[in-house]
């Protein structure tokens, strides 16, 4: 298993606490080859759908995701583009 595949699996496990109805994580690290941060962690695009986000603004949703991801955000993940939606917003 390569490093990014492991990171995606770990991120999915961590985000499970947000009870997602849908979660898609795309590794976009190849698009950032040569970028200084590419050496320290991967670049990922996350789409997550959960009722937990109801009544929360974008910043609050991102904080929940960052809290769930924990130390992954300070090592294995260099950049995470987030789309956090409620089921009604899909």
PDB file of N, CA and C in Angstrom:
ATOM      1  N   UNK A   1       0.855  -1.182   0.000  1.00  0.00           N
ATOM      2  CA  UNK A   1       0.000   0.000   0.000  1.00  0.00           C
ATOM      3  C   UNK A   1       0.899   1.242   0.000  1.00  0.00           C
ATOM      4  N   UNK A   2       0.661   2.175  -0.918  1.00  0.00           N
ATOM      5  CA  UNK A   2       1.507   3.366  -0.928  1.00  0.00           C
ATOM      6  C   UNK A   2       1.079   4.347   0.157  1.00  0.00           C
ATOM      7  N   UNK A   3       1.904   5.323   0.402  1.00  0.00           N
ATOM      8  CA  UNK A   3       1.678   6.273   1.484  1.00  0.00           C
ATOM      9  C   UNK A   3       0.337   6.981   1.352  1.00  0.00           C
ATOM     10  N   UNK A   4      -0.001   7.414   0.151  1.00  0.00           N
ATOM     11  CA  UNK A   4      -1.240   8.178  -0.019  1.00  0.00           C
ATOM     12  C   UNK A   4      -2.467   7.295   0.139  1.00  0.00           C
ATOM     13  N   UNK A   5      -2.386   6.039  -0.262  1.00  0.00           N
ATOM     14  CA  UNK A   5      -3.503   5.121  -0.072  1.00  0.00           C
ATOM     15  C   UNK A   5      -3.735   4.919   1.426  1.00  0.00           C
ATOM     16  N   UNK A   6      -2.663   4.787   2.172  1.00  0.00           N
ATOM     17  CA  UNK A   6      -2.763   4.652   3.629  1.00  0.00           C
ATOM     18  C   UNK A   6      -3.356   5.911   4.250  1.00  0.00           C
ATOM     19  N   UNK A   7      -2.939   7.064   3.763  1.00  0.00           N
ATOM     20  CA  UNK A   7      -3.448   8.332   4.290  1.00  0.00           C
ATOM     21  C   UNK A   7      -4.941   8.448   4.038  1.00  0.00           C
ATOM     22  N   UNK A   8      -5.387   8.076   2.849  1.00  0.00           N
ATOM     23  CA  UNK A   8      -6.815   8.128   2.532  1.00  0.00           C
ATOM     24  C   UNK A   8      -7.592   7.209   3.467  1.00  0.00           C
ATOM     25  N   UNK A   9      -7.093   6.006   3.698  1.00  0.00           N
ATOM     26  CA  UNK A   9      -7.766   5.058   4.594  1.00  0.00           C
ATOM     27  C   UNK A   9      -7.833   5.612   6.022  1.00  0.00           C
ATOM     28  N   UNK A  10      -6.734   6.197   6.486  1.00  0.00           N
ATOM     29  CA  UNK A  10      -6.720   6.785   7.826  1.00  0.00           C
ATOM     30  C   UNK A  10      -7.693   7.948   7.933  1.00  0.00           C
ATOM     31  N   UNK A  11      -7.734   8.790   6.908  1.00  0.00           N
ATOM     32  CA  UNK A  11      -8.649   9.931   6.915  1.00  0.00           C
ATOM     33  C   UNK A  11     -10.094   9.451   6.927  1.00  0.00           C
ATOM     34  N   UNK A  12     -10.416   8.435   6.146  1.00  0.00           N
ATOM     35  CA  UNK A  12     -11.773   7.887   6.149  1.00  0.00           C
ATOM     36  C   UNK A  12     -12.145   7.378   7.537  1.00  0.00           C
ATOM     37  N   UNK A  13     -11.218   6.690   8.192  1.00  0.00           N
ATOM     38  CA  UNK A  13     -11.470   6.193   9.544  1.00  0.00           C
ATOM     39  C   UNK A  13     -11.742   7.329  10.517  1.00  0.00           C
ATOM     40  N   UNK A  14     -10.928   8.362  10.435  1.00  0.00           N
ATOM     41  CA  UNK A  14     -11.073   9.495  11.353  1.00  0.00           C
ATOM     42  C   UNK A  14     -12.385  10.250  11.115  1.00  0.00           C
ATOM     43  N   UNK A  15     -12.754  10.393   9.838  1.00  0.00           N
ATOM     44  CA  UNK A  15     -13.967  11.148   9.509  1.00  0.00           C
ATOM     45  C   UNK A  15     -15.246  10.366   9.808  1.00  0.00           C
ATOM     46  N   UNK A  16     -15.118   9.082  10.101  1.00  0.00           N
ATOM     47  CA  UNK A  16     -16.289   8.256  10.427  1.00  0.00           C
ATOM     48  C   UNK A  16     -17.050   8.819  11.626  1.00  0.00           C
ATOM     49  N   UNK A  17     -16.342   9.522  12.518  1.00  0.00           N
ATOM     50  CA  UNK A  17     -17.014  10.096  13.689  1.00  0.00           C
ATOM     51  C   UNK A  17     -18.035  11.168  13.299  1.00  0.00           C
ATOM     52  N   UNK A  18     -17.929  11.697  12.086  1.00  0.00           N
ATOM     53  CA  UNK A  18     -18.890  12.694  11.592  1.00  0.00           C
ATOM     54  C   UNK A  18     -20.097  12.033  10.928  1.00  0.00           C
ATOM     55  N   UNK A  19     -20.155  10.725  10.995  1.00  0.00           N
ATOM     56  CA  UNK A  19     -21.277   9.942  10.470  1.00  0.00           C
ATOM     57  C   UNK A  19     -21.634  10.321   9.031  1.00  0.00           C
ATOM     58  N   UNK A  20     -20.654  10.257   8.139  1.00  0.00           N
ATOM     59  CA  UNK A  20     -20.923  10.673   6.747  1.00  0.00           C
ATOM     60  C   UNK A  20     -21.857   9.710   6.029  1.00  0.00           C
ATOM     61  N   UNK A  21     -22.739  10.289   5.243  1.00  0.00           N
ATOM     62  CA  UNK A  21     -23.581   9.498   4.353  1.00  0.00           C
ATOM     63  C   UNK A  21     -22.819   9.228   3.054  1.00  0.00           C
ATOM     64  N   UNK A  22     -21.879  10.103   2.776  1.00  0.00           N
ATOM     65  CA  UNK A  22     -21.030   9.958   1.591  1.00  0.00           C
ATOM     66  C   UNK A  22     -19.687  10.589   1.899  1.00  0.00           C
ATOM     67  N   UNK A  23     -18.645   9.933   1.422  1.00  0.00           N
ATOM     68  CA  UNK A  23     -17.303  10.487   1.580  1.00  0.00           C
ATOM     69  C   UNK A  23     -16.476  10.079   0.366  1.00  0.00           C
ATOM     70  N   UNK A  24     -15.908  11.066  -0.291  1.00  0.00           N
ATOM     71  CA  UNK A  24     -15.034  10.830  -1.442  1.00  0.00           C
ATOM     72  C   UNK A  24     -13.735  11.584  -1.186  1.00  0.00           C
ATOM     73  N   UNK A  25     -12.626  10.870  -1.316  1.00  0.00           N
ATOM     74  CA  UNK A  25     -11.313  11.493  -1.153  1.00  0.00           C
ATOM     75  C   UNK A  25     -10.492  11.186  -2.398  1.00  0.00           C
ATOM     76  N   UNK A  26     -10.025  12.240  -3.052  1.00  0.00           N
ATOM     77  CA  UNK A  26      -9.245  12.100  -4.272  1.00  0.00           C
ATOM     78  C   UNK A  26      -7.831  12.593  -3.997  1.00  0.00           C
ATOM     79  N   UNK A  27      -6.861  11.765  -4.355  1.00  0.00           N
ATOM     80  CA  UNK A  27      -5.448  12.134  -4.215  1.00  0.00           C
ATOM     81  C   UNK A  27      -5.060  13.000  -5.407  1.00  0.00           C
ATOM     82  N   UNK A  28      -4.739  14.255  -5.147  1.00  0.00           N
ATOM     83  CA  UNK A  28      -4.326  15.187  -6.201  1.00  0.00           C
ATOM     84  C   UNK A  28      -2.848  15.541  -6.086  1.00  0.00           C
ATOM     85  N   UNK A  29      -2.100  14.717  -5.368  1.00  0.00           N
ATOM     86  CA  UNK A  29      -0.687  15.002  -5.122  1.00  0.00           C
ATOM     87  C   UNK A  29       0.113  15.136  -6.407  1.00  0.00           C
ATOM     88  N   UNK A  30      -0.229  14.340  -7.411  1.00  0.00           N
ATOM     89  CA  UNK A  30       0.502  14.385  -8.679  1.00  0.00           C
ATOM     90  C   UNK A  30       0.423  15.759  -9.340  1.00  0.00           C
ATOM     91  N   UNK A  31      -0.621  16.516  -9.042  1.00  0.00           N
ATOM     92  CA  UNK A  31      -0.781  17.843  -9.621  1.00  0.00           C
ATOM     93  C   UNK A  31       0.141  18.874  -8.967  1.00  0.00           C
ATOM     94  N   UNK A  32       0.757  18.473  -7.861  1.00  0.00           N
ATOM     95  CA  UNK A  32       1.589  19.405  -7.107  1.00  0.00           C
ATOM     96  C   UNK A  32       3.046  18.959  -7.042  1.00  0.00           C
ATOM     97  N   UNK A  33       3.428  18.081  -7.938  1.00  0.00           N
ATOM     98  CA  UNK A  33       4.823  17.613  -7.983  1.00  0.00           C
ATOM     99  C   UNK A  33       5.750  18.809  -8.134  1.00  0.00           C
ATOM    100  N   UNK A  34       6.802  18.826  -7.352  1.00  0.00           N
ATOM    101  CA  UNK A  34       7.743  19.934  -7.392  1.00  0.00           C
ATOM    102  C   UNK A  34       7.415  21.043  -6.412  1.00  0.00           C
ATOM    103  N   UNK A  35       6.190  21.073  -5.925  1.00  0.00           N
ATOM    104  CA  UNK A  35       5.762  22.052  -4.928  1.00  0.00           C
ATOM    105  C   UNK A  35       6.445  21.707  -3.607  1.00  0.00           C
ATOM    106  N   UNK A  36       6.909  22.691  -2.892  1.00  0.00           N
ATOM    107  CA  UNK A  36       7.669  22.453  -1.655  1.00  0.00           C
ATOM    108  C   UNK A  36       6.927  21.552  -0.680  1.00  0.00           C
ATOM    109  N   UNK A  37       5.627  21.747  -0.512  1.00  0.00           N
ATOM    110  CA  UNK A  37       4.856  20.949   0.436  1.00  0.00           C
ATOM    111  C   UNK A  37       4.603  19.534  -0.020  1.00  0.00           C
ATOM    112  N   UNK A  38       4.806  19.264  -1.303  1.00  0.00           N
ATOM    113  CA  UNK A  38       4.547  17.923  -1.831  1.00  0.00           C
ATOM    114  C   UNK A  38       5.462  16.883  -1.206  1.00  0.00           C
ATOM    115  N   UNK A  39       6.606  17.311  -0.694  1.00  0.00           N
ATOM    116  CA  UNK A  39       7.546  16.380  -0.063  1.00  0.00           C
ATOM    117  C   UNK A  39       7.099  15.988   1.337  1.00  0.00           C
ATOM    118  N   UNK A  40       6.305  16.836   1.967  1.00  0.00           N
ATOM    119  CA  UNK A  40       5.952  16.634   3.367  1.00  0.00           C
ATOM    120  C   UNK A  40       4.601  15.977   3.573  1.00  0.00           C
ATOM    121  N   UNK A  41       3.750  15.956   2.588  1.00  0.00           N
ATOM    122  CA  UNK A  41       2.433  15.361   2.735  1.00  0.00           C
ATOM    123  C   UNK A  41       1.675  15.462   1.440  1.00  0.00           C
ATOM    124  N   UNK A  42       0.585  14.716   1.362  1.00  0.00           N
ATOM    125  CA  UNK A  42      -0.192  14.682   0.137  1.00  0.00           C
ATOM    126  C   UNK A  42      -1.188  15.831   0.014  1.00  0.00           C
ATOM    127  N   UNK A  43      -1.670  15.987  -1.192  1.00  0.00           N
ATOM    128  CA  UNK A  43      -2.704  16.968  -1.515  1.00  0.00           C
ATOM    129  C   UNK A  43      -3.963  16.183  -1.862  1.00  0.00           C
ATOM    130  N   UNK A  44      -5.060  16.476  -1.166  1.00  0.00           N
ATOM    131  CA  UNK A  44      -6.280  15.709  -1.341  1.00  0.00           C
ATOM    132  C   UNK A  44      -7.478  16.626  -1.513  1.00  0.00           C
ATOM    133  N   UNK A  45      -8.506  16.091  -2.192  1.00  0.00           N
ATOM    134  CA  UNK A  45      -9.792  16.774  -2.345  1.00  0.00           C
ATOM    135  C   UNK A  45     -10.830  15.905  -1.650  1.00  0.00           C
ATOM    136  N   UNK A  46     -11.563  16.488  -0.701  1.00  0.00           N
ATOM    137  CA  UNK A  46     -12.550  15.776   0.092  1.00  0.00           C
ATOM    138  C   UNK A  46     -13.950  16.300  -0.180  1.00  0.00           C
ATOM    139  N   UNK A  47     -14.865  15.382  -0.446  1.00  0.00           N
ATOM    140  CA  UNK A  47     -16.288  15.703  -0.474  1.00  0.00           C
ATOM    141  C   UNK A  47     -16.920  14.823   0.587  1.00  0.00           C
ATOM    142  N   UNK A  48     -17.587  15.460   1.528  1.00  0.00           N
ATOM    143  CA  UNK A  48     -18.221  14.727   2.623  1.00  0.00           C
ATOM    144  C   UNK A  48     -19.632  15.266   2.836  1.00  0.00           C
ATOM    145  N   UNK A  49     -20.574  14.343   2.992  1.00  0.00           N
ATOM    146  CA  UNK A  49     -21.976  14.692   3.209  1.00  0.00           C
ATOM    147  C   UNK A  49     -22.398  14.104   4.547  1.00  0.00           C
ATOM    148  N   UNK A  50     -22.889  14.971   5.432  1.00  0.00           N
ATOM    149  CA  UNK A  50     -23.289  14.515   6.759  1.00  0.00           C
ATOM    150  C   UNK A  50     -24.342  15.443   7.346  1.00  0.00           C
ATOM    151  N   UNK A  51     -25.264  14.861   8.101  1.00  0.00           N
ATOM    152  CA  UNK A  51     -26.263  15.668   8.809  1.00  0.00           C
ATOM    153  C   UNK A  51     -25.618  16.468   9.937  1.00  0.00           C
ATOM    154  N   UNK A  52     -24.422  16.084  10.361  1.00  0.00           N
ATOM    155  CA  UNK A  52     -23.690  16.797  11.418  1.00  0.00           C
ATOM    156  C   UNK A  52     -23.439  18.251  11.022  1.00  0.00           C
ATOM    157  N   UNK A  53     -23.389  18.530   9.723  1.00  0.00           N
ATOM    158  CA  UNK A  53     -23.092  19.887   9.250  1.00  0.00           C
ATOM    159  C   UNK A  53     -24.309  20.812   9.254  1.00  0.00           C
ATOM    160  N   UNK A  54     -25.486  20.274   9.524  1.00  0.00           N
ATOM    161  CA  UNK A  54     -26.709  21.088   9.519  1.00  0.00           C
ATOM    162  C   UNK A  54     -26.588  22.234  10.523  1.00  0.00           C
ATOM    163  N   UNK A  55     -26.919  23.434  10.088  1.00  0.00           N
ATOM    164  CA  UNK A  55     -26.890  24.600  10.950  1.00  0.00           C
ATOM    165  C   UNK A  55     -25.502  25.170  11.199  1.00  0.00           C
ATOM    166  N   UNK A  56     -24.493  24.597  10.557  1.00  0.00           N
ATOM    167  CA  UNK A  56     -23.123  25.074  10.738  1.00  0.00           C
ATOM    168  C   UNK A  56     -22.654  25.790   9.472  1.00  0.00           C
ATOM    169  N   UNK A  57     -21.876  26.860   9.660  1.00  0.00           N
ATOM    170  CA  UNK A  57     -21.353  27.569   8.503  1.00  0.00           C
ATOM    171  C   UNK A  57     -20.102  26.844   7.992  1.00  0.00           C
ATOM    172  N   UNK A  58     -19.543  27.362   6.922  1.00  0.00           N
ATOM    173  CA  UNK A  58     -18.405  26.721   6.271  1.00  0.00           C
ATOM    174  C   UNK A  58     -17.208  26.558   7.210  1.00  0.00           C
ATOM    175  N   UNK A  59     -16.889  27.599   7.965  1.00  0.00           N
ATOM    176  CA  UNK A  59     -15.750  27.550   8.882  1.00  0.00           C
ATOM    177  C   UNK A  59     -15.974  26.492   9.965  1.00  0.00           C
ATOM    178  N   UNK A  60     -17.161  26.438  10.512  1.00  0.00           N
ATOM    179  CA  UNK A  60     -17.473  25.449  11.553  1.00  0.00           C
ATOM    180  C   UNK A  60     -17.363  24.027  11.001  1.00  0.00           C
ATOM    181  N   UNK A  61     -17.805  23.831   9.786  1.00  0.00           N
ATOM    182  CA  UNK A  61     -17.712  22.514   9.149  1.00  0.00           C
ATOM    183  C   UNK A  61     -16.254  22.117   8.952  1.00  0.00           C
ATOM    184  N   UNK A  62     -15.452  23.048   8.472  1.00  0.00           N
ATOM    185  CA  UNK A  62     -14.036  22.771   8.248  1.00  0.00           C
ATOM    186  C   UNK A  62     -13.323  22.474   9.568  1.00  0.00           C
ATOM    187  N   UNK A  63     -13.698  23.180  10.622  1.00  0.00           N
ATOM    188  CA  UNK A  63     -13.094  22.925  11.943  1.00  0.00           C
ATOM    189  C   UNK A  63     -13.402  21.509  12.408  1.00  0.00           C
ATOM    190  N   UNK A  64     -14.628  21.049  12.194  1.00  0.00           N
ATOM    191  CA  UNK A  64     -14.993  19.677  12.568  1.00  0.00           C
ATOM    192  C   UNK A  64     -14.136  18.663  11.818  1.00  0.00           C
ATOM    193  N   UNK A  65     -13.932  18.916  10.536  1.00  0.00           N
ATOM    194  CA  UNK A  65     -13.133  18.010   9.704  1.00  0.00           C
ATOM    195  C   UNK A  65     -11.676  18.017  10.150  1.00  0.00           C
ATOM    196  N   UNK A  66     -11.139  19.190  10.376  1.00  0.00           N
ATOM    197  CA  UNK A  66      -9.739  19.298  10.821  1.00  0.00           C
ATOM    198  C   UNK A  66      -9.557  18.641  12.191  1.00  0.00           C
ATOM    199  N   UNK A  67     -10.520  18.804  13.072  1.00  0.00           N
ATOM    200  CA  UNK A  67     -10.428  18.185  14.402  1.00  0.00           C
ATOM    201  C   UNK A  67     -10.456  16.664  14.282  1.00  0.00           C
ATOM    202  N   UNK A  68     -11.315  16.152  13.422  1.00  0.00           N
ATOM    203  CA  UNK A  68     -11.404  14.698  13.228  1.00  0.00           C
ATOM    204  C   UNK A  68     -10.131  14.155  12.591  1.00  0.00           C
ATOM    205  N   UNK A  69      -9.575  14.891  11.646  1.00  0.00           N
ATOM    206  CA  UNK A  69      -8.352  14.446  10.961  1.00  0.00           C
ATOM    207  C   UNK A  69      -7.152  14.491  11.894  1.00  0.00           C
ATOM    208  N   UNK A  70      -7.185  15.417  12.846  1.00  0.00           N
ATOM    209  CA  UNK A  70      -6.140  15.503  13.864  1.00  0.00           C
ATOM    210  C   UNK A  70      -4.745  15.652  13.301  1.00  0.00           C
ATOM    211  N   UNK A  71      -3.838  14.798  13.778  1.00  0.00           N
ATOM    212  CA  UNK A  71      -2.425  14.902  13.422  1.00  0.00           C
ATOM    213  C   UNK A  71      -2.134  14.627  11.949  1.00  0.00           C
ATOM    214  N   UNK A  72      -3.082  14.057  11.221  1.00  0.00           N
ATOM    215  CA  UNK A  72      -2.878  13.849   9.778  1.00  0.00           C
ATOM    216  C   UNK A  72      -2.669  15.195   9.069  1.00  0.00           C
ATOM    217  N   UNK A  73      -3.310  16.238   9.603  1.00  0.00           N
ATOM    218  CA  UNK A  73      -3.214  17.565   9.001  1.00  0.00           C
ATOM    219  C   UNK A  73      -1.854  18.213   9.246  1.00  0.00           C
ATOM    220  N   UNK A  74      -1.063  17.631  10.122  1.00  0.00           N
ATOM    221  CA  UNK A  74       0.253  18.189  10.427  1.00  0.00           C
ATOM    222  C   UNK A  74       1.371  17.285   9.927  1.00  0.00           C
ATOM    223  N   UNK A  75       1.054  16.396   8.991  1.00  0.00           N
ATOM    224  CA  UNK A  75       2.094  15.493   8.512  1.00  0.00           C
ATOM    225  C   UNK A  75       1.744  14.843   7.193  1.00  0.00           C
ATOM    226  N   UNK A  76       0.862  13.865   7.253  1.00  0.00           N
ATOM    227  CA  UNK A  76       0.535  13.096   6.052  1.00  0.00           C
ATOM    228  C   UNK A  76      -0.276  13.902   5.036  1.00  0.00           C
ATOM    229  N   UNK A  77      -0.967  14.938   5.515  1.00  0.00           N
ATOM    230  CA  UNK A  77      -1.765  15.780   4.617  1.00  0.00           C
ATOM    231  C   UNK A  77      -1.169  17.182   4.621  1.00  0.00           C
ATOM    232  N   UNK A  78      -0.737  17.612   3.439  1.00  0.00           N
ATOM    233  CA  UNK A  78      -0.214  18.976   3.295  1.00  0.00           C
ATOM    234  C   UNK A  78      -1.346  19.931   2.947  1.00  0.00           C
ATOM    235  N   UNK A  79      -2.269  19.484   2.085  1.00  0.00           N
ATOM    236  CA  UNK A  79      -3.380  20.331   1.653  1.00  0.00           C
ATOM    237  C   UNK A  79      -4.640  19.479   1.508  1.00  0.00           C
ATOM    238  N   UNK A  80      -5.753  20.057   1.946  1.00  0.00           N
ATOM    239  CA  UNK A  80      -7.036  19.368   1.859  1.00  0.00           C
ATOM    240  C   UNK A  80      -8.089  20.350   1.380  1.00  0.00           C
ATOM    241  N   UNK A  81      -8.561  20.160   0.155  1.00  0.00           N
ATOM    242  CA  UNK A  81      -9.652  20.970  -0.380  1.00  0.00           C
ATOM    243  C   UNK A  81     -10.948  20.308   0.070  1.00  0.00           C
ATOM    244  N   UNK A  82     -11.809  21.069   0.746  1.00  0.00           N
ATOM    245  CA  UNK A  82     -12.983  20.489   1.397  1.00  0.00           C
ATOM    246  C   UNK A  82     -14.276  21.004   0.799  1.00  0.00           C
ATOM    247  N   UNK A  83     -15.168  20.054   0.527  1.00  0.00           N
ATOM    248  CA  UNK A  83     -16.559  20.357   0.204  1.00  0.00           C
ATOM    249  C   UNK A  83     -17.376  19.587   1.229  1.00  0.00           C
ATOM    250  N   UNK A  84     -17.924  20.300   2.222  1.00  0.00           N
ATOM    251  CA  UNK A  84     -18.681  19.685   3.311  1.00  0.00           C
ATOM    252  C   UNK A  84     -20.133  20.114   3.193  1.00  0.00           C
ATOM    253  N   UNK A  85     -21.004  19.141   2.962  1.00  0.00           N
ATOM    254  CA  UNK A  85     -22.407  19.428   2.670  1.00  0.00           C
ATOM    255  C   UNK A  85     -23.351  18.621   3.555  1.00  0.00           C
ATOM    256  N   UNK A  86     -24.546  19.145   3.724  1.00  0.00           N
ATOM    257  CA  UNK A  86     -25.617  18.373   4.343  1.00  0.00           C
ATOM    258  C   UNK A  86     -26.304  17.592   3.227  1.00  0.00           C
ATOM    259  N   UNK A  87     -27.054  16.552   3.554  1.00  0.00           N
ATOM    260  CA  UNK A  87     -27.759  15.806   2.500  1.00  0.00           C
ATOM    261  C   UNK A  87     -28.691  16.702   1.670  1.00  0.00           C
ATOM    262  N   UNK A  88     -29.269  17.713   2.289  1.00  0.00           N
ATOM    263  CA  UNK A  88     -30.174  18.625   1.579  1.00  0.00           C
ATOM    264  C   UNK A  88     -29.429  19.504   0.566  1.00  0.00           C
ATOM    265  N   UNK A  89     -28.158  19.705   0.782  1.00  0.00           N
ATOM    266  CA  UNK A  89     -27.363  20.571  -0.098  1.00  0.00           C
ATOM    267  C   UNK A  89     -26.796  19.832  -1.309  1.00  0.00           C
ATOM    268  N   UNK A  90     -26.913  18.526  -1.304  1.00  0.00           N
ATOM    269  CA  UNK A  90     -26.354  17.740  -2.407  1.00  0.00           C
ATOM    270  C   UNK A  90     -27.262  17.855  -3.619  1.00  0.00           C
TER     271      UNK A  90
END
